[in-house]
Protein backbone atom coordinates (compact mmCIF):
# COMPACT_ATOMS: atom_id res chain seq x y z
CA UNK A 1 -29.93 -0.11 -0.63
CA UNK A 2 -27.77 1.24 1.89
CA UNK A 3 -25.79 4.06 1.67
CA UNK A 4 -23.74 4.26 4.82
CA UNK A 5 -19.87 4.53 4.04
CA UNK A 6 -17.85 1.61 3.95
CA UNK A 7 -14.08 0.58 4.41
CA UNK A 8 -12.54 -1.05 1.51
CA UNK A 9 -9.28 -2.97 1.98
CA UNK A 10 -7.17 -3.66 -1.24
CA UNK A 11 -4.05 -5.98 -0.33
CA UNK A 12 -1.52 -7.62 -2.75
CA UNK A 13 1.96 -8.05 -3.45
CA UNK A 14 4.49 -5.37 -4.94
CA UNK A 15 3.41 -3.92 -8.22
CA UNK A 16 0.03 -5.79 -8.40
CA UNK A 17 -1.63 -2.44 -9.23
CA UNK A 18 -3.15 -1.72 -5.73
CA UNK A 19 -2.56 1.92 -5.32
CA UNK A 20 -3.59 2.97 -8.80
CA UNK A 21 -6.88 0.98 -8.43
CA UNK A 22 -7.42 2.16 -4.83
CA UNK A 23 -7.14 5.62 -6.13
CA UNK A 24 -9.81 5.23 -8.85
CA UNK A 25 -12.13 3.21 -6.54
CA UNK A 26 -11.90 6.18 -4.03
CA UNK A 27 -12.35 8.76 -6.41
CA UNK A 28 -15.59 6.77 -7.96
CA UNK A 29 -17.06 6.56 -4.38
CA UNK A 30 -15.87 9.95 -3.20
CA UNK A 31 -13.99 8.06 -0.42
CA UNK A 32 -10.84 8.97 1.11
CA UNK A 33 -7.73 7.15 -0.18
CA UNK A 34 -5.10 6.20 2.37
CA UNK A 35 -1.82 4.82 0.91
CA UNK A 36 -0.35 2.75 4.05
CA UNK A 37 2.67 2.02 1.85
CA UNK A 38 3.72 5.56 1.47
CA UNK A 39 3.43 6.01 5.08
CA UNK A 40 6.06 3.00 5.64
CA UNK A 41 8.14 4.44 2.53
CA UNK A 42 8.13 7.98 4.06
CA UNK A 43 9.64 6.65 7.32
CA UNK A 44 12.35 4.80 5.35
CA UNK A 45 12.96 7.84 3.32
CA UNK A 46 13.51 10.06 6.47
CA UNK A 47 15.83 7.32 8.05
CA UNK A 48 18.17 7.01 4.98
CA UNK A 49 18.12 10.99 4.72
CA UNK A 50 19.33 10.91 8.28
CA UNK A 51 21.76 8.21 7.81
CA UNK A 52 20.27 5.86 10.46
CA UNK A 53 21.03 2.14 10.21
CA UNK A 54 17.78 0.69 9.26
CA UNK A 55 18.61 -2.55 11.31
CA UNK A 56 18.77 -0.28 14.56
CA UNK A 57 15.05 -0.71 15.60
CA UNK A 58 15.35 1.89 18.63
CA UNK A 59 16.53 4.36 16.36
CA UNK A 60 13.81 3.92 13.66
CA UNK A 61 10.92 4.00 15.98
CA UNK A 62 12.40 6.79 17.85
CA UNK A 63 12.57 8.64 14.38
CA UNK A 64 9.00 7.75 13.98
CA UNK A 65 7.83 9.24 17.07
CA UNK A 66 9.59 12.32 16.13
CA UNK A 67 7.94 13.04 12.93
CA UNK A 68 4.47 13.63 11.27
CA UNK A 69 3.52 11.82 8.01
CA UNK A 70 0.64 13.18 6.58
CA UNK A 71 -1.53 12.35 3.27
CA UNK A 72 -3.87 14.77 1.54
CA UNK A 73 -6.96 14.84 -0.86
CA UNK A 74 -4.43 15.21 -3.86
CA UNK A 75 -2.52 12.16 -2.88
CA UNK A 76 0.46 13.97 -1.96
CA UNK A 77 2.82 12.61 0.91
CA UNK A 78 4.34 14.93 3.44
CA UNK A 79 6.90 14.43 6.26
CA UNK A 80 6.92 17.53 8.66
CA UNK A 81 5.24 19.27 6.07
CA UNK A 82 7.59 18.58 3.27
CA UNK A 83 6.39 17.09 0.13
CA UNK A 84 8.20 13.80 -0.61
CA UNK A 85 5.72 12.11 -3.07
CA UNK A 86 8.15 11.55 -5.76
CA UNK A 87 11.25 11.05 -3.37
CA UNK A 88 9.38 8.07 -1.63
CA UNK A 89 9.47 5.90 -4.99
CA UNK A 90 12.96 5.97 -5.35
CA UNK A 91 14.78 2.76 -5.80
CA UNK A 92 16.86 3.14 -2.56
CA UNK A 93 13.51 3.62 -0.49
CA UNK A 94 11.95 0.50 -2.43
CA UNK A 95 14.97 -1.62 -1.51
CA UNK A 96 14.75 -0.68 2.08
CA UNK A 97 11.07 -0.48 2.93
CA UNK A 98 10.48 -3.98 3.65
CA UNK A 99 13.13 -3.97 6.43
CA UNK A 100 11.53 -0.99 7.99
CA UNK A 101 7.99 -2.52 7.77
CA UNK A 102 9.09 -5.78 9.41
CA UNK A 103 9.70 -3.79 12.71
CA UNK A 104 6.89 -5.00 15.04
CA UNK A 105 7.07 -1.39 17.05
CA UNK A 106 6.76 0.49 13.94
CA UNK A 107 3.88 -1.51 12.58
CA UNK A 108 1.95 -1.22 15.77
CA UNK A 109 2.50 2.63 15.51
CA UNK A 110 1.36 2.90 11.99
CA UNK A 111 -1.38 0.65 11.94
CA UNK A 112 -2.89 2.69 14.93
CA UNK A 113 -2.71 5.86 12.82
CA UNK A 114 -4.25 4.09 10.07
CA UNK A 115 -6.84 2.88 12.01
CA UNK A 116 -7.61 6.36 13.36
CA UNK A 117 -7.60 7.52 9.82
CA UNK A 118 -10.40 4.71 8.95
CA UNK A 119 -12.53 5.14 12.13
CA UNK A 120 -15.56 6.92 10.30
CA UNK A 121 -15.41 4.66 7.29
CA UNK A 122 -15.83 6.20 3.80
CA UNK A 123 -12.09 5.10 3.09
CA UNK A 124 -10.15 2.96 0.48
CA UNK A 125 -7.05 1.59 1.84
CA UNK A 126 -4.45 -0.40 0.12
CA UNK A 127 -1.06 -2.27 1.41
CA UNK A 128 -0.13 -5.76 2.28
CA UNK A 129 -2.21 -6.49 5.61
CA UNK A 130 -4.92 -4.16 5.55
CA UNK A 131 -7.58 -7.09 5.40
CA UNK A 132 -5.85 -9.24 7.99
CA UNK A 133 -4.22 -6.70 10.33
CA UNK A 134 -5.19 -3.02 9.98
CA UNK A 135 -8.92 -3.35 8.96
CA UNK A 136 -10.17 -6.84 9.85
CA UNK A 137 -13.61 -5.94 9.73
CA UNK A 138 -13.72 -4.10 6.62
CA UNK A 139 -16.66 -4.53 4.59
CA UNK A 140 -14.90 -5.07 1.38
CA UNK A 141 -11.85 -6.80 1.04
CA UNK A 142 -9.98 -7.61 -2.23
CA UNK A 143 -6.50 -9.20 -2.74
CA UNK A 144 -5.03 -8.18 -6.23
CA UNK A 145 -2.41 -10.71 -7.81
CA UNK A 146 -0.50 -10.89 -11.02
CA UNK A 147 2.52 -12.59 -12.23
CA UNK A 148 6.03 -11.70 -11.72
CA UNK A 149 6.72 -10.97 -15.28
CA UNK A 150 3.66 -8.75 -15.57
CA UNK A 151 4.43 -6.71 -12.45
CA UNK A 152 8.09 -6.23 -13.33
CA UNK A 153 6.89 -4.78 -16.58
CA UNK A 154 4.43 -2.45 -15.10
CA UNK A 155 7.07 -1.12 -12.75
CA UNK A 156 9.45 -1.00 -15.60
CA UNK A 157 7.22 1.37 -17.92
CA UNK A 158 6.18 3.36 -15.13
CA UNK A 159 9.99 4.00 -14.16
CA UNK A 160 10.32 5.04 -18.11
CA UNK A 161 7.39 7.20 -17.88
CA UNK A 162 8.80 9.25 -15.16
CA UNK A 163 12.50 9.38 -16.69
CA UNK A 164 13.82 7.00 -14.07
CA UNK A 165 16.67 4.79 -15.29
CA UNK A 166 15.20 1.04 -15.38
CA UNK A 167 16.36 -2.63 -15.84
CA UNK A 168 13.73 -5.01 -16.48
CA UNK A 169 15.55 -8.16 -15.13
CA UNK A 170 16.86 -6.31 -12.05
CA UNK A 171 13.19 -5.40 -11.38
CA UNK A 172 11.98 -8.98 -11.58
CA UNK A 173 14.68 -10.21 -9.37
CA UNK A 174 13.52 -7.24 -6.70
CA UNK A 175 10.13 -8.20 -6.97
CA UNK A 176 10.62 -11.85 -6.30
CA UNK A 177 12.81 -10.79 -3.22
CA UNK A 178 10.10 -8.34 -1.91
CA UNK A 179 7.49 -11.13 -2.39
CA UNK A 180 9.51 -13.37 -0.43
CA UNK A 181 10.37 -10.95 2.36
CA UNK A 182 6.88 -9.64 2.57
CA UNK A 183 5.26 -13.14 3.00
CA UNK A 184 8.09 -14.42 5.36
CA UNK A 185 8.16 -11.57 7.73
CA UNK A 186 7.06 -12.37 11.38
CA UNK A 187 5.00 -9.40 11.95
CA UNK A 188 1.82 -9.11 9.49
CA UNK A 189 2.96 -11.10 6.69
CA UNK A 190 1.49 -10.69 3.08
CA UNK A 191 -1.45 -12.84 3.48
CA UNK A 192 -4.73 -13.03 1.80
CA UNK A 193 -7.66 -12.77 4.19
CA UNK A 194 -9.98 -15.46 4.42
CA UNK A 195 -13.05 -13.59 3.55
CA UNK A 196 -11.13 -11.42 0.70
CA UNK A 197 -12.25 -11.58 -2.98
CA UNK A 198 -8.92 -12.36 -5.05
CA UNK A 199 -8.60 -10.85 -8.45
CA UNK A 200 -5.80 -11.70 -10.85
CA UNK A 201 -4.93 -8.49 -12.68
CA UNK A 202 -2.37 -10.14 -15.15
CA UNK A 203 -4.73 -9.99 -18.17
CA UNK A 204 -6.92 -7.07 -17.18
CA UNK A 205 -6.44 -3.25 -17.27
CA UNK A 206 -6.87 -0.81 -14.58
CA UNK A 207 -10.45 0.27 -15.58
CA UNK A 208 -11.61 -3.62 -15.49
CA UNK A 209 -10.23 -4.01 -12.17
CA UNK A 210 -11.59 -0.72 -10.93
CA UNK A 211 -15.22 -1.75 -12.31
CA UNK A 212 -14.77 -5.12 -10.50
CA UNK A 213 -14.22 -3.48 -7.03
CA UNK A 214 -17.01 -1.33 -7.59
CA UNK A 215 -19.32 -3.92 -8.49
CA UNK A 216 -18.72 -5.67 -5.22
CA UNK A 217 -19.39 -2.55 -3.27
CA UNK A 218 -22.62 -2.38 -5.17
CA UNK A 219 -23.64 -5.88 -4.34
CA UNK A 220 -22.90 -5.52 -0.89
CA UNK A 221 -24.87 -2.27 -0.41
CA UNK A 222 -27.76 -4.13 -2.13
CA UNK A 223 -27.56 -6.76 0.66
CA UNK A 224 -27.19 -4.59 3.28
C-alpha cells in the first residue's frame, strides 16, 4: 500500500456538506484542510466593508492584490491578520460571494494561491471547481449533492445553532439562486469532473459521508 500524501478535491453546490466533511477527512488523515470558499468570502467581506461596488471588477481585483488572506490549522480565517471566521458567514457575504467568484481575474489569482498551498499534497480542498479547475490532477475527486430541501434545512439549523435569525423559505430560494449562478457563470462553473465520484448526501449523516471518502482513499492507496 502506498503512503504517499494525496490531494483530495471535494466539490458540490451550496450547503451540500462539503466543508464539514472535508474538515473531518483532513483530520482523519492528518492532512491540511483548505477552505477555498472562505477565500472568496474573505474578499467579498472586505469589499463590502470598504463599500466597494462589487460590479466594479477593477476595484475588486485591486483590493485582492492589496490584502493577505490566510487560513490556519484550526480552520480560522484571516484578512490582513484580522480573524474574520464568523463574519464571512453572514447573509450579506453569502448573497454577494457568487458575483465576486465570477470575476475571471479574481478566480485566476485565488486559484494560483490555492495551487501553491496544495503543491506538496497532503491536502483536502473543497469548493465548486476544485476537481475541474484548481486541482484537475487530484488523486481523489468527490462531488457531493443533496436535495434543495435538505440543504436549506441544514443551513437553517446551522443558523439557529449560531443564534442567527433564519427563514427556511428564504434560504430555499437563496440556495436555488446560488445553484443557478454557480452553474451558469462563464468562468469555472460548478460542474462535476468526469472522473469524480458522486455521493448523494441527502439521506446520509456526516460520519457516513466521511467514511465513504476515507474508503475511496484506502482503495486508491491499495492500488497505488
